[in-house]
Amino acid sequence: MASRFLLLGLLALSFTAALATDHSPLQDFCVSDTNSKVVVNGLACKDPKTVQANDFSASGLHMAGNTSNPVGSKVTPLTAAQIPGLNTLGISLARIDYAPWGINPPHTHPRASEILLVLEGCLEVGFVTSNPENRQITQVLQKGDVFVFPIGLIHYQRNLGNGNAIAIAALSSQNPGVITIANAVFGSKPDIASDILVKAFQLDKNVVTNIQSKF
């Protein structure tokens, strides 16, 4: 009996792991049809006979993003929304530009792990493990260094230099999603009730209201 439960447990774990990433394609490619009104988990495919080379390419990633914003960074994504040929392939890319001392604020990707490559500058990066430990794992990266952020965990980057920094991020989903913690908590529409945030963050109500007003 114990061995049966062990086998069932292992099968359940295997099934869960199989569902933790994007589904594998069942054909050579499935270029997304942006004009389709069909609602599916992903994007509907266009007729393969109409597919062209430009469905698999994009340009402009050499251009710096505009970092003139409160956090001092700009993420330029290349997902299936920008490259139709990425549909069903389970990968995507992003360029991240950082102003001096700019940050990519704490956020999560609910559907992807991420590997970050520093092209220019010096970045402090880190992620926080899940409850109850909430352990922060952090490192300072130089040009050419790489760091991995596990799927779903809160992570961030900060430019430690007086010059601009650039990084490239590869993600294990065609649509990794992003949840920026501050925006989600203090900028939700409609607002999360301030008394909930007062208790959650142990802050004065006026402080919570002031933070919400910034989002």
C-alpha atoms as a PDB file:
ATOM      1  CA  MET A   1       0.000   0.000   0.000  1.00  0.00           C
ATOM      2  CA  ALA A   2       2.808   2.405   0.917  1.00  0.00           C
ATOM      3  CA  SER A   3       4.543   1.754  -2.395  1.00  0.00           C
ATOM      4  CA  ARG A   4       1.274   2.468  -4.250  1.00  0.00           C
ATOM      5  CA  PHE A   5       0.897   5.851  -2.520  1.00  0.00           C
ATOM      6  CA  LEU A   6       4.564   6.618  -3.270  1.00  0.00           C
ATOM      7  CA  LEU A   7       4.026   5.796  -6.954  1.00  0.00           C
ATOM      8  CA  LEU A   8       0.886   7.950  -7.098  1.00  0.00           C
ATOM      9  CA  GLY A   9       2.767  10.783  -5.421  1.00  0.00           C
ATOM     10  CA  LEU A  10       5.615  10.586  -7.922  1.00  0.00           C
ATOM     11  CA  LEU A  11       3.142  10.546 -10.811  1.00  0.00           C
ATOM     12  CA  ALA A  12       1.386  13.610  -9.408  1.00  0.00           C
ATOM     13  CA  LEU A  13       4.684  15.453  -9.080  1.00  0.00           C
ATOM     14  CA  SER A  14       5.655  14.526 -12.621  1.00  0.00           C
ATOM     15  CA  PHE A  15       2.295  15.701 -13.939  1.00  0.00           C
ATOM     16  CA  THR A  16       2.635  19.001 -12.064  1.00  0.00           C
ATOM     17  CA  ALA A  17       6.140  19.539 -13.431  1.00  0.00           C
ATOM     18  CA  ALA A  18       4.911  18.867 -16.950  1.00  0.00           C
ATOM     19  CA  LEU A  19       2.273  21.589 -16.566  1.00  0.00           C
ATOM     20  CA  ALA A  20       4.729  24.123 -15.115  1.00  0.00           C
ATOM     21  CA  THR A  21       6.043  25.224 -18.503  1.00  0.00           C
ATOM     22  CA  ASP A  22       4.491  26.206 -21.835  1.00  0.00           C
ATOM     23  CA  HIS A  23       3.014  23.331 -23.808  1.00  0.00           C
ATOM     24  CA  SER A  24       5.270  21.831 -26.472  1.00  0.00           C
ATOM     25  CA  PRO A  25       4.268  22.574 -30.075  1.00  0.00           C
ATOM     26  CA  LEU A  26       2.591  19.802 -32.066  1.00  0.00           C
ATOM     27  CA  GLN A  27       3.862  21.096 -35.432  1.00  0.00           C
ATOM     28  CA  ASP A  28       6.935  22.898 -36.787  1.00  0.00           C
ATOM     29  CA  PHE A  29       5.559  26.288 -35.796  1.00  0.00           C
ATOM     30  CA  CYS A  30       2.335  28.090 -34.938  1.00  0.00           C
ATOM     31  CA  VAL A  31       2.759  31.705 -35.984  1.00  0.00           C
ATOM     32  CA  SER A  32       0.133  33.739 -34.158  1.00  0.00           C
ATOM     33  CA  ASP A  33      -2.782  35.128 -36.119  1.00  0.00           C
ATOM     34  CA  THR A  34      -3.364  38.584 -34.651  1.00  0.00           C
ATOM     35  CA  ASN A  35      -6.629  38.917 -36.564  1.00  0.00           C
ATOM     36  CA  SER A  36      -8.182  35.753 -35.178  1.00  0.00           C
ATOM     37  CA  LYS A  37     -11.146  36.093 -32.825  1.00  0.00           C
ATOM     38  CA  VAL A  38     -10.676  32.567 -31.496  1.00  0.00           C
ATOM     39  CA  VAL A  39      -9.929  32.532 -27.756  1.00  0.00           C
ATOM     40  CA  VAL A  40      -7.365  29.881 -26.801  1.00  0.00           C
ATOM     41  CA  ASN A  41      -4.700  29.341 -24.122  1.00  0.00           C
ATOM     42  CA  GLY A  42      -2.058  31.204 -26.096  1.00  0.00           C
ATOM     43  CA  LEU A  43      -2.631  32.588 -29.579  1.00  0.00           C
ATOM     44  CA  ALA A  44      -4.400  31.061 -32.567  1.00  0.00           C
ATOM     45  CA  CYS A  45      -2.221  29.940 -35.513  1.00  0.00           C
ATOM     46  CA  LYS A  46      -2.292  31.493 -38.944  1.00  0.00           C
ATOM     47  CA  ASP A  47      -2.292  29.341 -42.066  1.00  0.00           C
ATOM     48  CA  PRO A  48       1.297  27.972 -42.430  1.00  0.00           C
ATOM     49  CA  LYS A  49       1.176  28.706 -46.145  1.00  0.00           C
ATOM     50  CA  THR A  50       0.964  32.442 -45.403  1.00  0.00           C
ATOM     51  CA  VAL A  51       3.910  32.519 -42.989  1.00  0.00           C
ATOM     52  CA  GLN A  52       6.839  34.767 -43.938  1.00  0.00           C
ATOM     53  CA  ALA A  53      10.361  35.265 -42.587  1.00  0.00           C
ATOM     54  CA  ASN A  54       9.371  38.500 -40.853  1.00  0.00           C
ATOM     55  CA  ASP A  55       6.990  36.487 -38.644  1.00  0.00           C
ATOM     56  CA  PHE A  56      10.119  35.147 -36.932  1.00  0.00           C
ATOM     57  CA  SER A  57      12.140  38.349 -36.623  1.00  0.00           C
ATOM     58  CA  ALA A  58      12.209  41.735 -34.947  1.00  0.00           C
ATOM     59  CA  SER A  59      14.504  44.756 -34.979  1.00  0.00           C
ATOM     60  CA  GLY A  60      15.350  47.726 -32.820  1.00  0.00           C
ATOM     61  CA  LEU A  61      16.785  45.933 -29.803  1.00  0.00           C
ATOM     62  CA  HIS A  62      20.024  47.884 -30.290  1.00  0.00           C
ATOM     63  CA  MET A  63      18.185  51.089 -29.390  1.00  0.00           C
ATOM     64  CA  ALA A  64      18.282  52.267 -25.778  1.00  0.00           C
ATOM     65  CA  GLY A  65      15.001  52.413 -23.897  1.00  0.00           C
ATOM     66  CA  ASN A  66      13.765  55.632 -22.303  1.00  0.00           C
ATOM     67  CA  THR A  67      14.691  55.490 -18.601  1.00  0.00           C
ATOM     68  CA  SER A  68      13.228  58.917 -17.748  1.00  0.00           C
ATOM     69  CA  ASN A  69      10.727  57.595 -15.225  1.00  0.00           C
ATOM     70  CA  PRO A  70      10.522  57.306 -11.414  1.00  0.00           C
ATOM     71  CA  VAL A  71      12.328  53.942 -11.248  1.00  0.00           C
ATOM     72  CA  GLY A  72      15.000  54.754 -13.827  1.00  0.00           C
ATOM     73  CA  SER A  73      14.655  51.705 -16.043  1.00  0.00           C
ATOM     74  CA  LYS A  74      12.944  50.530 -19.218  1.00  0.00           C
ATOM     75  CA  VAL A  75      12.095  46.975 -20.232  1.00  0.00           C
ATOM     76  CA  THR A  76      11.739  46.311 -23.969  1.00  0.00           C
ATOM     77  CA  PRO A  77      10.076  42.884 -24.373  1.00  0.00           C
ATOM     78  CA  LEU A  78      10.171  40.489 -27.293  1.00  0.00           C
ATOM     79  CA  THR A  79       7.370  38.030 -26.644  1.00  0.00           C
ATOM     80  CA  ALA A  80       4.852  36.359 -28.938  1.00  0.00           C
ATOM     81  CA  ALA A  81       3.070  39.710 -29.019  1.00  0.00           C
ATOM     82  CA  GLN A  82       6.071  41.262 -30.801  1.00  0.00           C
ATOM     83  CA  ILE A  83       7.342  38.196 -32.713  1.00  0.00           C
ATOM     84  CA  PRO A  84       4.378  36.083 -33.903  1.00  0.00           C
ATOM     85  CA  GLY A  85       6.672  33.122 -34.609  1.00  0.00           C
ATOM     86  CA  LEU A  86       7.388  32.730 -30.883  1.00  0.00           C
ATOM     87  CA  ASN A  87       3.869  31.433 -30.366  1.00  0.00           C
ATOM     88  CA  THR A  88       3.973  27.924 -28.744  1.00  0.00           C
ATOM     89  CA  LEU A  89       7.804  27.900 -28.623  1.00  0.00           C
ATOM     90  CA  GLY A  90       8.026  28.654 -24.893  1.00  0.00           C
ATOM     91  CA  ILE A  91      10.718  31.354 -24.984  1.00  0.00           C
ATOM     92  CA  SER A  92      10.968  35.147 -25.016  1.00  0.00           C
ATOM     93  CA  LEU A  93      13.539  37.902 -24.615  1.00  0.00           C
ATOM     94  CA  ALA A  94      13.800  41.392 -23.165  1.00  0.00           C
ATOM     95  CA  ARG A  95      16.279  44.253 -23.177  1.00  0.00           C
ATOM     96  CA  ILE A  96      16.516  46.213 -19.927  1.00  0.00           C
ATOM     97  CA  ASP A  97      18.062  49.678 -19.770  1.00  0.00           C
ATOM     98  CA  TYR A  98      19.002  51.290 -16.465  1.00  0.00           C
ATOM     99  CA  ALA A  99      19.765  54.931 -15.743  1.00  0.00           C
ATOM    100  CA  PRO A 100      22.527  55.579 -13.189  1.00  0.00           C
ATOM    101  CA  TRP A 101      21.289  54.043  -9.918  1.00  0.00           C
ATOM    102  CA  GLY A 102      18.041  53.073 -11.627  1.00  0.00           C
ATOM    103  CA  ILE A 103      16.174  49.943 -10.570  1.00  0.00           C
ATOM    104  CA  ASN A 104      14.000  47.287 -12.121  1.00  0.00           C
ATOM    105  CA  PRO A 105      11.707  47.150  -9.079  1.00  0.00           C
ATOM    106  CA  PRO A 106      10.735  43.976  -7.227  1.00  0.00           C
ATOM    107  CA  HIS A 107       8.488  41.871  -9.455  1.00  0.00           C
ATOM    108  CA  THR A 108       7.652  38.306 -10.415  1.00  0.00           C
ATOM    109  CA  HIS A 109       7.092  36.377 -13.634  1.00  0.00           C
ATOM    110  CA  PRO A 110       4.234  33.959 -12.911  1.00  0.00           C
ATOM    111  CA  ARG A 111       4.930  31.782 -15.951  1.00  0.00           C
ATOM    112  CA  ALA A 112       8.702  31.831 -16.475  1.00  0.00           C
ATOM    113  CA  SER A 113      12.169  31.478 -15.051  1.00  0.00           C
ATOM    114  CA  GLU A 114      14.636  34.122 -16.197  1.00  0.00           C
ATOM    115  CA  ILE A 115      18.335  34.212 -17.002  1.00  0.00           C
ATOM    116  CA  LEU A 116      19.892  37.690 -17.059  1.00  0.00           C
ATOM    117  CA  LEU A 117      23.071  38.684 -18.936  1.00  0.00           C
ATOM    118  CA  VAL A 118      24.773  42.008 -18.175  1.00  0.00           C
ATOM    119  CA  LEU A 119      25.964  43.708 -21.370  1.00  0.00           C
ATOM    120  CA  GLU A 120      27.106  47.002 -19.880  1.00  0.00           C
ATOM    121  CA  GLY A 121      27.547  48.346 -16.372  1.00  0.00           C
ATOM    122  CA  CYS A 122      27.366  46.848 -12.901  1.00  0.00           C
ATOM    123  CA  LEU A 123      24.119  45.476 -11.447  1.00  0.00           C
ATOM    124  CA  GLU A 124      23.079  44.398  -7.981  1.00  0.00           C
ATOM    125  CA  VAL A 125      20.528  41.606  -8.450  1.00  0.00           C
ATOM    126  CA  GLY A 126      18.581  39.421  -6.089  1.00  0.00           C
ATOM    127  CA  PHE A 127      15.536  37.286  -5.407  1.00  0.00           C
ATOM    128  CA  VAL A 128      13.634  36.272  -2.290  1.00  0.00           C
ATOM    129  CA  THR A 129      12.645  32.703  -1.472  1.00  0.00           C
ATOM    130  CA  SER A 130       9.091  31.779  -0.496  1.00  0.00           C
ATOM    131  CA  ASN A 131       7.592  31.779   3.002  1.00  0.00           C
ATOM    132  CA  PRO A 132       8.501  31.169   5.745  1.00  0.00           C
ATOM    133  CA  GLU A 133      12.238  31.694   5.144  1.00  0.00           C
ATOM    134  CA  ASN A 134      11.976  34.748   2.843  1.00  0.00           C
ATOM    135  CA  ARG A 135      15.704  34.469   2.305  1.00  0.00           C
ATOM    136  CA  GLN A 136      17.260  37.064   0.017  1.00  0.00           C
ATOM    137  CA  ILE A 137      19.850  35.715  -2.425  1.00  0.00           C
ATOM    138  CA  THR A 138      21.808  38.575  -3.960  1.00  0.00           C
ATOM    139  CA  GLN A 139      24.947  39.197  -5.992  1.00  0.00           C
ATOM    140  CA  VAL A 140      26.759  42.039  -7.772  1.00  0.00           C
ATOM    141  CA  LEU A 141      27.177  41.387 -11.495  1.00  0.00           C
ATOM    142  CA  GLN A 142      29.736  42.865 -13.855  1.00  0.00           C
ATOM    143  CA  LYS A 143      29.706  42.993 -17.649  1.00  0.00           C
ATOM    144  CA  GLY A 144      29.443  39.459 -19.025  1.00  0.00           C
ATOM    145  CA  ASP A 145      28.033  37.960 -15.808  1.00  0.00           C
ATOM    146  CA  VAL A 146      24.837  35.901 -15.748  1.00  0.00           C
ATOM    147  CA  PHE A 147      22.245  35.328 -13.016  1.00  0.00           C
ATOM    148  CA  VAL A 148      19.132  33.123 -12.826  1.00  0.00           C
ATOM    149  CA  PHE A 149      15.785  34.059 -11.263  1.00  0.00           C
ATOM    150  CA  PRO A 150      13.586  31.010 -10.522  1.00  0.00           C
ATOM    151  CA  ILE A 151       9.999  31.039 -11.743  1.00  0.00           C
ATOM    152  CA  GLY A 152       7.504  32.949  -9.612  1.00  0.00           C
ATOM    153  CA  LEU A 153       9.976  34.389  -7.079  1.00  0.00           C
ATOM    154  CA  ILE A 154      10.177  38.118  -6.360  1.00  0.00           C
ATOM    155  CA  HIS A 155      13.356  39.578  -7.864  1.00  0.00           C
ATOM    156  CA  TYR A 156      14.936  42.907  -8.767  1.00  0.00           C
ATOM    157  CA  GLN A 157      17.966  44.637 -10.285  1.00  0.00           C
ATOM    158  CA  ARG A 158      19.728  47.905  -9.435  1.00  0.00           C
ATOM    159  CA  ASN A 159      22.369  49.782 -11.410  1.00  0.00           C
ATOM    160  CA  LEU A 160      25.299  50.437  -9.077  1.00  0.00           C
ATOM    161  CA  GLY A 161      27.151  52.743 -11.453  1.00  0.00           C
ATOM    162  CA  ASN A 162      27.160  56.400 -12.409  1.00  0.00           C
ATOM    163  CA  GLY A 163      26.707  55.424 -16.061  1.00  0.00           C
ATOM    164  CA  ASN A 164      23.963  53.602 -17.914  1.00  0.00           C
ATOM    165  CA  ALA A 165      23.656  49.825 -17.699  1.00  0.00           C
ATOM    166  CA  ILE A 166      22.172  47.302 -20.132  1.00  0.00           C
ATOM    167  CA  ALA A 167      21.046  43.705 -19.660  1.00  0.00           C
ATOM    168  CA  ILE A 168      19.388  41.029 -21.768  1.00  0.00           C
ATOM    169  CA  ALA A 169      16.892  38.667 -20.146  1.00  0.00           C
ATOM    170  CA  ALA A 170      15.807  35.330 -21.614  1.00  0.00           C
ATOM    171  CA  LEU A 171      12.601  33.801 -20.233  1.00  0.00           C
ATOM    172  CA  SER A 172      11.115  30.330 -20.407  1.00  0.00           C
ATOM    173  CA  SER A 173       7.692  31.331 -21.725  1.00  0.00           C
ATOM    174  CA  GLN A 174       6.330  33.021 -24.833  1.00  0.00           C
ATOM    175  CA  ASN A 175       4.281  35.148 -22.405  1.00  0.00           C
ATOM    176  CA  PRO A 176       6.047  35.201 -19.023  1.00  0.00           C
ATOM    177  CA  GLY A 177       3.831  37.876 -17.522  1.00  0.00           C
ATOM    178  CA  VAL A 178       5.036  40.401 -14.963  1.00  0.00           C
ATOM    179  CA  ILE A 179       3.624  41.450 -11.603  1.00  0.00           C
ATOM    180  CA  THR A 180       5.381  44.514 -10.198  1.00  0.00           C
ATOM    181  CA  ILE A 181       4.793  44.250  -6.465  1.00  0.00           C
ATOM    182  CA  ALA A 182       4.319  47.934  -5.631  1.00  0.00           C
ATOM    183  CA  ASN A 183       2.028  48.521  -8.616  1.00  0.00           C
ATOM    184  CA  ALA A 184      -0.083  45.453  -7.855  1.00  0.00           C
ATOM    185  CA  VAL A 185      -0.459  46.157  -4.129  1.00  0.00           C
ATOM    186  CA  PHE A 186      -0.757  49.942  -4.087  1.00  0.00           C
ATOM    187  CA  GLY A 187      -2.005  50.577  -7.614  1.00  0.00           C
ATOM    188  CA  SER A 188      -4.736  47.975  -8.073  1.00  0.00           C
ATOM    189  CA  LYS A 189      -8.007  49.043  -9.707  1.00  0.00           C
ATOM    190  CA  PRO A 190     -10.113  49.350  -7.628  1.00  0.00           C
ATOM    191  CA  ASP A 191      -7.846  50.003  -4.644  1.00  0.00           C
ATOM    192  CA  ILE A 192      -7.224  47.349  -2.036  1.00  0.00           C
ATOM    193  CA  ALA A 193      -8.919  48.637   1.123  1.00  0.00           C
ATOM    194  CA  SER A 194      -6.448  50.801   3.032  1.00  0.00           C
ATOM    195  CA  ASP A 195      -7.176  49.073   6.358  1.00  0.00           C
ATOM    196  CA  ILE A 196      -6.012  45.786   4.816  1.00  0.00           C
ATOM    197  CA  LEU A 197      -2.737  47.380   3.719  1.00  0.00           C
ATOM    198  CA  VAL A 198      -2.346  49.108   7.101  1.00  0.00           C
ATOM    199  CA  LYS A 199      -2.426  45.711   8.818  1.00  0.00           C
ATOM    200  CA  ALA A 200      -0.375  43.914   6.170  1.00  0.00           C
ATOM    201  CA  PHE A 201       2.464  46.454   6.123  1.00  0.00           C
ATOM    202  CA  GLN A 202       2.089  47.770   9.694  1.00  0.00           C
ATOM    203  CA  LEU A 203       1.872  51.350   8.417  1.00  0.00           C
ATOM    204  CA  ASP A 204      -0.150  54.404   9.345  1.00  0.00           C
ATOM    205  CA  LYS A 205      -3.256  54.844   7.194  1.00  0.00           C
ATOM    206  CA  ASN A 206      -2.047  58.240   5.958  1.00  0.00           C
ATOM    207  CA  VAL A 207       1.174  56.637   4.762  1.00  0.00           C
ATOM    208  CA  VAL A 208      -0.766  53.951   2.880  1.00  0.00           C
ATOM    209  CA  THR A 209      -3.053  56.539   1.302  1.00  0.00           C
ATOM    210  CA  ASN A 210      -0.044  58.608   0.252  1.00  0.00           C
ATOM    211  CA  ILE A 211       1.649  55.593  -1.358  1.00  0.00           C
ATOM    212  CA  GLN A 212      -1.557  54.622  -3.183  1.00  0.00           C
ATOM    213  CA  SER A 213      -1.794  58.134  -4.609  1.00  0.00           C
ATOM    214  CA  LYS A 214       1.568  57.639  -6.368  1.00  0.00           C
ATOM    215  CA  PHE A 215       0.246  54.698  -8.378  1.00  0.00           C
END
